[in-house]
N, C-alpha and C. Protein backbone atom coordinates (compact mmCIF):
# COMPACT_ATOMS: atom_id res chain seq x y z
N UNK A 1 -116.12 -57.97 -30.76
CA UNK A 1 -115.51 -57.68 -32.05
C UNK A 1 -116.32 -58.27 -33.18
N UNK A 2 -116.80 -59.50 -33.03
CA UNK A 2 -117.52 -60.16 -34.12
C UNK A 2 -118.88 -59.50 -34.36
N UNK A 3 -119.44 -58.87 -33.33
CA UNK A 3 -120.72 -58.20 -33.52
C UNK A 3 -120.56 -56.90 -34.32
N UNK A 4 -119.35 -56.40 -34.45
CA UNK A 4 -119.07 -55.20 -35.22
C UNK A 4 -118.76 -55.50 -36.69
N UNK A 5 -118.39 -56.73 -36.99
CA UNK A 5 -117.98 -57.10 -38.35
C UNK A 5 -119.16 -56.99 -39.33
N UNK A 6 -120.31 -57.45 -38.96
CA UNK A 6 -121.46 -57.42 -39.87
C UNK A 6 -121.88 -56.00 -40.21
N UNK A 7 -122.05 -55.09 -39.26
CA UNK A 7 -122.41 -53.72 -39.64
C UNK A 7 -121.36 -53.03 -40.50
N UNK A 8 -120.08 -53.25 -40.19
CA UNK A 8 -119.02 -52.64 -40.99
C UNK A 8 -119.01 -53.21 -42.40
N UNK A 9 -119.22 -54.51 -42.53
CA UNK A 9 -119.29 -55.14 -43.85
C UNK A 9 -120.46 -54.58 -44.66
N UNK A 10 -121.62 -54.44 -44.03
CA UNK A 10 -122.77 -53.88 -44.73
C UNK A 10 -122.52 -52.43 -45.16
N UNK A 11 -121.87 -51.67 -44.30
CA UNK A 11 -121.56 -50.28 -44.63
C UNK A 11 -120.62 -50.19 -45.83
N UNK A 12 -119.57 -51.01 -45.83
CA UNK A 12 -118.60 -50.99 -46.94
C UNK A 12 -119.26 -51.45 -48.23
N UNK A 13 -120.09 -52.48 -48.18
CA UNK A 13 -120.79 -52.95 -49.37
C UNK A 13 -121.76 -51.89 -49.90
N UNK A 14 -122.49 -51.22 -49.01
CA UNK A 14 -123.40 -50.16 -49.44
C UNK A 14 -122.63 -49.01 -50.06
N UNK A 15 -121.46 -48.69 -49.50
CA UNK A 15 -120.62 -47.63 -50.04
C UNK A 15 -120.15 -47.98 -51.45
N UNK A 16 -119.66 -49.19 -51.64
CA UNK A 16 -119.18 -49.61 -52.95
C UNK A 16 -120.30 -49.65 -53.99
N UNK A 17 -121.45 -50.18 -53.61
CA UNK A 17 -122.59 -50.23 -54.53
C UNK A 17 -123.06 -48.82 -54.87
N UNK A 18 -123.11 -47.93 -53.89
CA UNK A 18 -123.52 -46.55 -54.14
C UNK A 18 -122.59 -45.84 -55.10
N UNK A 19 -121.29 -46.01 -54.92
CA UNK A 19 -120.32 -45.38 -55.82
C UNK A 19 -120.47 -45.94 -57.23
N UNK A 20 -120.68 -47.23 -57.33
CA UNK A 20 -120.83 -47.86 -58.65
C UNK A 20 -122.10 -47.38 -59.36
N UNK A 21 -123.20 -47.29 -58.64
CA UNK A 21 -124.46 -46.87 -59.25
C UNK A 21 -124.40 -45.40 -59.66
N UNK A 22 -123.93 -44.53 -58.79
CA UNK A 22 -123.86 -43.10 -59.09
C UNK A 22 -122.84 -42.83 -60.19
N UNK A 23 -121.78 -43.62 -60.25
CA UNK A 23 -120.77 -43.45 -61.30
C UNK A 23 -121.31 -43.71 -62.69
N UNK A 24 -122.35 -44.49 -62.81
CA UNK A 24 -122.93 -44.82 -64.12
C UNK A 24 -123.98 -43.81 -64.58
N UNK A 25 -124.34 -42.85 -63.74
CA UNK A 25 -125.37 -41.88 -64.10
C UNK A 25 -124.75 -40.80 -64.99
N UNK A 26 -125.35 -40.53 -66.17
CA UNK A 26 -124.81 -39.46 -67.02
C UNK A 26 -124.96 -38.10 -66.37
N UNK A 27 -124.11 -37.17 -66.77
CA UNK A 27 -124.09 -35.84 -66.14
C UNK A 27 -125.42 -35.11 -66.30
N UNK A 28 -126.13 -35.33 -67.41
CA UNK A 28 -127.40 -34.63 -67.62
C UNK A 28 -128.49 -35.09 -66.67
N UNK A 29 -128.36 -36.29 -66.14
CA UNK A 29 -129.38 -36.80 -65.22
C UNK A 29 -128.97 -36.69 -63.76
N UNK A 30 -127.77 -36.26 -63.50
CA UNK A 30 -127.27 -36.26 -62.13
C UNK A 30 -128.06 -35.30 -61.23
N UNK A 31 -128.30 -34.08 -61.70
CA UNK A 31 -129.00 -33.10 -60.87
C UNK A 31 -130.44 -33.51 -60.58
N UNK A 32 -131.23 -33.94 -61.60
CA UNK A 32 -132.60 -34.38 -61.26
C UNK A 32 -132.62 -35.59 -60.32
N UNK A 33 -131.69 -36.50 -60.52
CA UNK A 33 -131.64 -37.69 -59.67
C UNK A 33 -131.30 -37.29 -58.23
N UNK A 34 -130.34 -36.43 -58.06
CA UNK A 34 -129.93 -36.05 -56.71
C UNK A 34 -130.99 -35.20 -56.02
N UNK A 35 -131.67 -34.33 -56.77
CA UNK A 35 -132.70 -33.52 -56.11
C UNK A 35 -133.85 -34.40 -55.64
N UNK A 36 -134.20 -35.40 -56.42
CA UNK A 36 -135.24 -36.33 -56.00
C UNK A 36 -134.80 -37.17 -54.81
N UNK A 37 -133.56 -37.64 -54.85
CA UNK A 37 -133.05 -38.46 -53.75
C UNK A 37 -132.95 -37.65 -52.46
N UNK A 38 -132.55 -36.40 -52.58
CA UNK A 38 -132.45 -35.57 -51.38
C UNK A 38 -133.80 -35.29 -50.76
N UNK A 39 -134.80 -35.09 -51.60
CA UNK A 39 -136.13 -34.81 -51.04
C UNK A 39 -136.73 -36.06 -50.39
N UNK A 40 -136.32 -37.22 -50.82
CA UNK A 40 -136.79 -38.47 -50.22
C UNK A 40 -136.19 -38.67 -48.83
N UNK A 41 -135.13 -37.96 -48.53
CA UNK A 41 -134.47 -38.13 -47.25
C UNK A 41 -135.32 -37.67 -46.07
N UNK A 42 -136.55 -37.32 -46.31
CA UNK A 42 -137.48 -37.07 -45.21
C UNK A 42 -137.64 -38.30 -44.35
N UNK A 43 -137.37 -39.46 -44.94
CA UNK A 43 -137.42 -40.72 -44.19
C UNK A 43 -136.38 -40.70 -43.06
N UNK A 44 -135.25 -40.04 -43.31
CA UNK A 44 -134.21 -39.93 -42.29
C UNK A 44 -134.75 -39.17 -41.09
N UNK A 45 -135.53 -38.13 -41.35
CA UNK A 45 -136.09 -37.34 -40.26
C UNK A 45 -137.09 -38.17 -39.45
N UNK A 46 -137.87 -38.98 -40.14
CA UNK A 46 -138.79 -39.88 -39.43
C UNK A 46 -138.01 -40.86 -38.58
N UNK A 47 -136.90 -41.38 -39.12
CA UNK A 47 -136.05 -42.28 -38.35
C UNK A 47 -135.45 -41.61 -37.13
N UNK A 48 -135.08 -40.35 -37.28
CA UNK A 48 -134.53 -39.61 -36.13
C UNK A 48 -135.58 -39.48 -35.04
N UNK A 49 -136.81 -39.22 -35.43
CA UNK A 49 -137.88 -39.08 -34.44
C UNK A 49 -138.10 -40.41 -33.70
N UNK A 50 -138.07 -41.50 -34.43
CA UNK A 50 -138.26 -42.82 -33.81
C UNK A 50 -137.12 -43.14 -32.87
N UNK A 51 -135.87 -42.87 -33.32
CA UNK A 51 -134.71 -43.16 -32.48
C UNK A 51 -134.67 -42.23 -31.27
N UNK A 52 -135.12 -40.99 -31.44
CA UNK A 52 -135.11 -40.03 -30.33
C UNK A 52 -135.99 -40.50 -29.18
N UNK A 53 -137.03 -41.25 -29.50
CA UNK A 53 -137.90 -41.73 -28.42
C UNK A 53 -137.21 -42.78 -27.55
N UNK A 54 -136.14 -43.38 -28.06
CA UNK A 54 -135.42 -44.41 -27.31
C UNK A 54 -134.11 -43.92 -26.71
N UNK A 55 -133.74 -42.67 -26.93
CA UNK A 55 -132.45 -42.16 -26.47
C UNK A 55 -132.50 -41.80 -24.99
N UNK A 56 -131.40 -42.12 -24.29
CA UNK A 56 -131.34 -41.82 -22.86
C UNK A 56 -129.97 -41.28 -22.44
N UNK A 57 -128.99 -41.24 -23.34
CA UNK A 57 -127.65 -40.77 -22.96
C UNK A 57 -127.33 -39.47 -23.69
N UNK A 58 -126.43 -38.68 -23.13
CA UNK A 58 -126.05 -37.43 -23.80
C UNK A 58 -125.44 -37.66 -25.19
N UNK A 59 -124.66 -38.72 -25.34
CA UNK A 59 -124.07 -39.02 -26.65
C UNK A 59 -125.16 -39.33 -27.68
N UNK A 60 -126.18 -40.04 -27.26
CA UNK A 60 -127.30 -40.34 -28.17
C UNK A 60 -128.01 -39.06 -28.58
N UNK A 61 -128.16 -38.12 -27.64
CA UNK A 61 -128.80 -36.85 -27.96
C UNK A 61 -127.97 -36.05 -28.98
N UNK A 62 -126.66 -36.11 -28.85
CA UNK A 62 -125.78 -35.42 -29.80
C UNK A 62 -125.95 -36.02 -31.20
N UNK A 63 -125.93 -37.34 -31.28
CA UNK A 63 -126.09 -38.00 -32.58
C UNK A 63 -127.47 -37.74 -33.18
N UNK A 64 -128.48 -37.72 -32.34
CA UNK A 64 -129.83 -37.43 -32.83
C UNK A 64 -129.91 -36.01 -33.36
N UNK A 65 -129.32 -35.08 -32.65
CA UNK A 65 -129.32 -33.69 -33.11
C UNK A 65 -128.59 -33.56 -34.46
N UNK A 66 -127.42 -34.18 -34.57
CA UNK A 66 -126.67 -34.13 -35.83
C UNK A 66 -127.46 -34.77 -36.97
N UNK A 67 -128.08 -35.91 -36.71
CA UNK A 67 -128.87 -36.58 -37.74
C UNK A 67 -130.05 -35.72 -38.16
N UNK A 68 -130.70 -35.07 -37.21
CA UNK A 68 -131.84 -34.21 -37.53
C UNK A 68 -131.41 -33.00 -38.36
N UNK A 69 -130.30 -32.38 -37.97
CA UNK A 69 -129.82 -31.20 -38.71
C UNK A 69 -129.39 -31.58 -40.12
N UNK A 70 -128.60 -32.64 -40.25
CA UNK A 70 -128.12 -33.05 -41.57
C UNK A 70 -129.26 -33.55 -42.45
N UNK A 71 -130.19 -34.29 -41.88
CA UNK A 71 -131.34 -34.75 -42.65
C UNK A 71 -132.21 -33.60 -43.14
N UNK A 72 -132.42 -32.62 -42.27
CA UNK A 72 -133.22 -31.45 -42.65
C UNK A 72 -132.52 -30.64 -43.73
N UNK A 73 -131.20 -30.48 -43.60
CA UNK A 73 -130.45 -29.76 -44.64
C UNK A 73 -130.55 -30.48 -45.98
N UNK A 74 -130.53 -31.79 -45.94
CA UNK A 74 -130.62 -32.58 -47.17
C UNK A 74 -131.98 -32.42 -47.82
N UNK A 75 -133.03 -32.47 -47.03
CA UNK A 75 -134.39 -32.31 -47.57
C UNK A 75 -134.57 -30.91 -48.17
N UNK A 76 -134.17 -29.89 -47.41
CA UNK A 76 -134.32 -28.51 -47.90
C UNK A 76 -133.46 -28.30 -49.15
N UNK A 77 -132.25 -28.83 -49.14
CA UNK A 77 -131.38 -28.72 -50.32
C UNK A 77 -131.98 -29.39 -51.54
N UNK A 78 -132.63 -30.53 -51.35
CA UNK A 78 -133.28 -31.20 -52.47
C UNK A 78 -134.37 -30.36 -53.08
N UNK A 79 -135.15 -29.71 -52.24
CA UNK A 79 -136.21 -28.86 -52.76
C UNK A 79 -135.66 -27.60 -53.43
N UNK A 80 -134.58 -27.05 -52.89
CA UNK A 80 -133.97 -25.86 -53.50
C UNK A 80 -133.41 -26.20 -54.89
N UNK A 81 -132.72 -27.33 -54.98
CA UNK A 81 -132.16 -27.74 -56.28
C UNK A 81 -133.29 -28.01 -57.27
N UNK A 82 -134.35 -28.66 -56.82
CA UNK A 82 -135.48 -28.93 -57.71
C UNK A 82 -136.12 -27.63 -58.18
N UNK A 83 -136.27 -26.67 -57.28
CA UNK A 83 -136.84 -25.38 -57.66
C UNK A 83 -135.97 -24.67 -58.68
N UNK A 84 -134.67 -24.69 -58.49
CA UNK A 84 -133.76 -24.06 -59.46
C UNK A 84 -133.83 -24.75 -60.80
N UNK A 85 -133.95 -26.09 -60.77
CA UNK A 85 -134.04 -26.84 -62.03
C UNK A 85 -135.32 -26.48 -62.77
N UNK A 86 -136.43 -26.43 -62.05
CA UNK A 86 -137.70 -26.10 -62.68
C UNK A 86 -137.72 -24.67 -63.19
N UNK A 87 -136.99 -23.79 -62.54
CA UNK A 87 -136.91 -22.39 -62.97
C UNK A 87 -136.26 -22.29 -64.36
N UNK A 88 -135.34 -23.21 -64.66
CA UNK A 88 -134.68 -23.20 -65.97
C UNK A 88 -135.66 -23.54 -67.09
N UNK A 89 -136.68 -24.31 -66.79
CA UNK A 89 -137.60 -24.77 -67.83
C UNK A 89 -138.84 -23.91 -67.95
N UNK A 90 -138.96 -22.86 -67.14
CA UNK A 90 -140.13 -22.00 -67.23
C UNK A 90 -140.09 -21.19 -68.52
N UNK A 91 -141.27 -20.82 -68.97
CA UNK A 91 -141.39 -20.02 -70.19
C UNK A 91 -140.75 -18.66 -69.98
N UNK A 92 -140.14 -18.14 -71.01
CA UNK A 92 -139.50 -16.84 -70.90
C UNK A 92 -140.41 -15.73 -71.43
N UNK A 93 -141.72 -15.95 -71.46
CA UNK A 93 -142.67 -14.94 -71.94
C UNK A 93 -142.64 -13.70 -71.05
N UNK A 94 -142.53 -13.89 -69.76
CA UNK A 94 -142.52 -12.74 -68.86
C UNK A 94 -141.27 -11.90 -69.06
N UNK A 95 -140.14 -12.54 -69.31
CA UNK A 95 -138.92 -11.77 -69.53
C UNK A 95 -138.97 -11.07 -70.88
N UNK A 96 -139.62 -11.68 -71.88
CA UNK A 96 -139.77 -11.03 -73.18
C UNK A 96 -140.66 -9.80 -73.06
N UNK A 97 -141.71 -9.89 -72.24
CA UNK A 97 -142.61 -8.75 -72.06
C UNK A 97 -141.87 -7.58 -71.43
N UNK A 98 -141.06 -7.86 -70.44
CA UNK A 98 -140.34 -6.76 -69.79
C UNK A 98 -139.29 -6.19 -70.73
N UNK A 99 -138.64 -7.04 -71.53
CA UNK A 99 -137.66 -6.54 -72.48
C UNK A 99 -138.33 -5.72 -73.57
N UNK A 100 -139.45 -6.22 -74.11
CA UNK A 100 -140.13 -5.49 -75.17
C UNK A 100 -140.74 -4.21 -74.62
N UNK A 101 -141.21 -4.25 -73.38
CA UNK A 101 -141.78 -3.05 -72.76
C UNK A 101 -140.71 -1.98 -72.58
N UNK A 102 -139.52 -2.36 -72.18
CA UNK A 102 -138.44 -1.39 -72.02
C UNK A 102 -137.94 -0.92 -73.37
N UNK A 103 -137.97 -1.80 -74.38
CA UNK A 103 -137.55 -1.40 -75.73
C UNK A 103 -138.55 -0.42 -76.31
N UNK A 104 -139.84 -0.66 -76.07
CA UNK A 104 -140.86 0.26 -76.57
C UNK A 104 -140.73 1.62 -75.90
N UNK A 105 -140.50 1.64 -74.61
CA UNK A 105 -140.37 2.92 -73.91
C UNK A 105 -139.12 3.65 -74.38
N UNK A 106 -138.05 2.92 -74.70
CA UNK A 106 -136.84 3.56 -75.21
C UNK A 106 -137.08 4.13 -76.60
N UNK A 107 -137.81 3.39 -77.45
CA UNK A 107 -138.09 3.91 -78.79
C UNK A 107 -139.05 5.09 -78.71
N UNK A 108 -140.00 5.07 -77.78
CA UNK A 108 -140.89 6.22 -77.58
C UNK A 108 -140.11 7.45 -77.15
N UNK A 109 -139.14 7.24 -76.26
CA UNK A 109 -138.33 8.36 -75.79
C UNK A 109 -137.48 8.91 -76.93
N UNK A 110 -136.94 8.02 -77.78
CA UNK A 110 -136.15 8.48 -78.92
C UNK A 110 -137.02 9.25 -79.90
N UNK A 111 -138.22 8.78 -80.14
CA UNK A 111 -139.16 9.47 -81.04
C UNK A 111 -139.52 10.85 -80.47
N UNK A 112 -139.74 10.93 -79.19
CA UNK A 112 -140.06 12.21 -78.55
C UNK A 112 -138.90 13.17 -78.66
N UNK A 113 -137.65 12.65 -78.54
CA UNK A 113 -136.47 13.50 -78.69
C UNK A 113 -136.39 14.07 -80.09
N UNK A 114 -136.63 13.22 -81.10
CA UNK A 114 -136.58 13.67 -82.49
C UNK A 114 -137.64 14.73 -82.75
N UNK A 115 -138.82 14.53 -82.21
CA UNK A 115 -139.91 15.49 -82.40
C UNK A 115 -139.55 16.82 -81.76
N UNK A 116 -138.97 16.78 -80.57
CA UNK A 116 -138.59 18.02 -79.89
C UNK A 116 -137.47 18.73 -80.63
N UNK A 117 -136.51 17.98 -81.17
CA UNK A 117 -135.44 18.60 -81.93
C UNK A 117 -135.93 19.20 -83.23
N UNK A 118 -136.92 18.54 -83.84
CA UNK A 118 -137.48 19.03 -85.10
C UNK A 118 -138.27 20.31 -84.91
N UNK A 119 -138.88 20.50 -83.75
CA UNK A 119 -139.67 21.68 -83.51
C UNK A 119 -138.81 22.87 -83.11
N UNK A 120 -137.60 22.63 -82.70
CA UNK A 120 -136.71 23.73 -82.27
C UNK A 120 -136.13 24.43 -83.41
């Protein structure tokens, strides 16, 4: 029982400190902070590989599989969120070109209609 007290105490303290630190982050910085933190979770995958070399029981294999899947999802999610964030800051020149190109073609079509009506 006493050997379980220290890990549980560390877990509870880490949980409380994590909630306190994340609670102080303003909403505008939350997404960049979380995307960076999620991408850093590649360390979890390295830890899974190290622990997998020492596993010998079926229960350990289940935990290793879960840790690998959740760690991989976290890493991929971090990169997806970062990509979406960076997409918001890209220049809108390409979208302006397509809008102006379609506007020009629409005005050309309108001009052609007027010309055809005038000749009739």
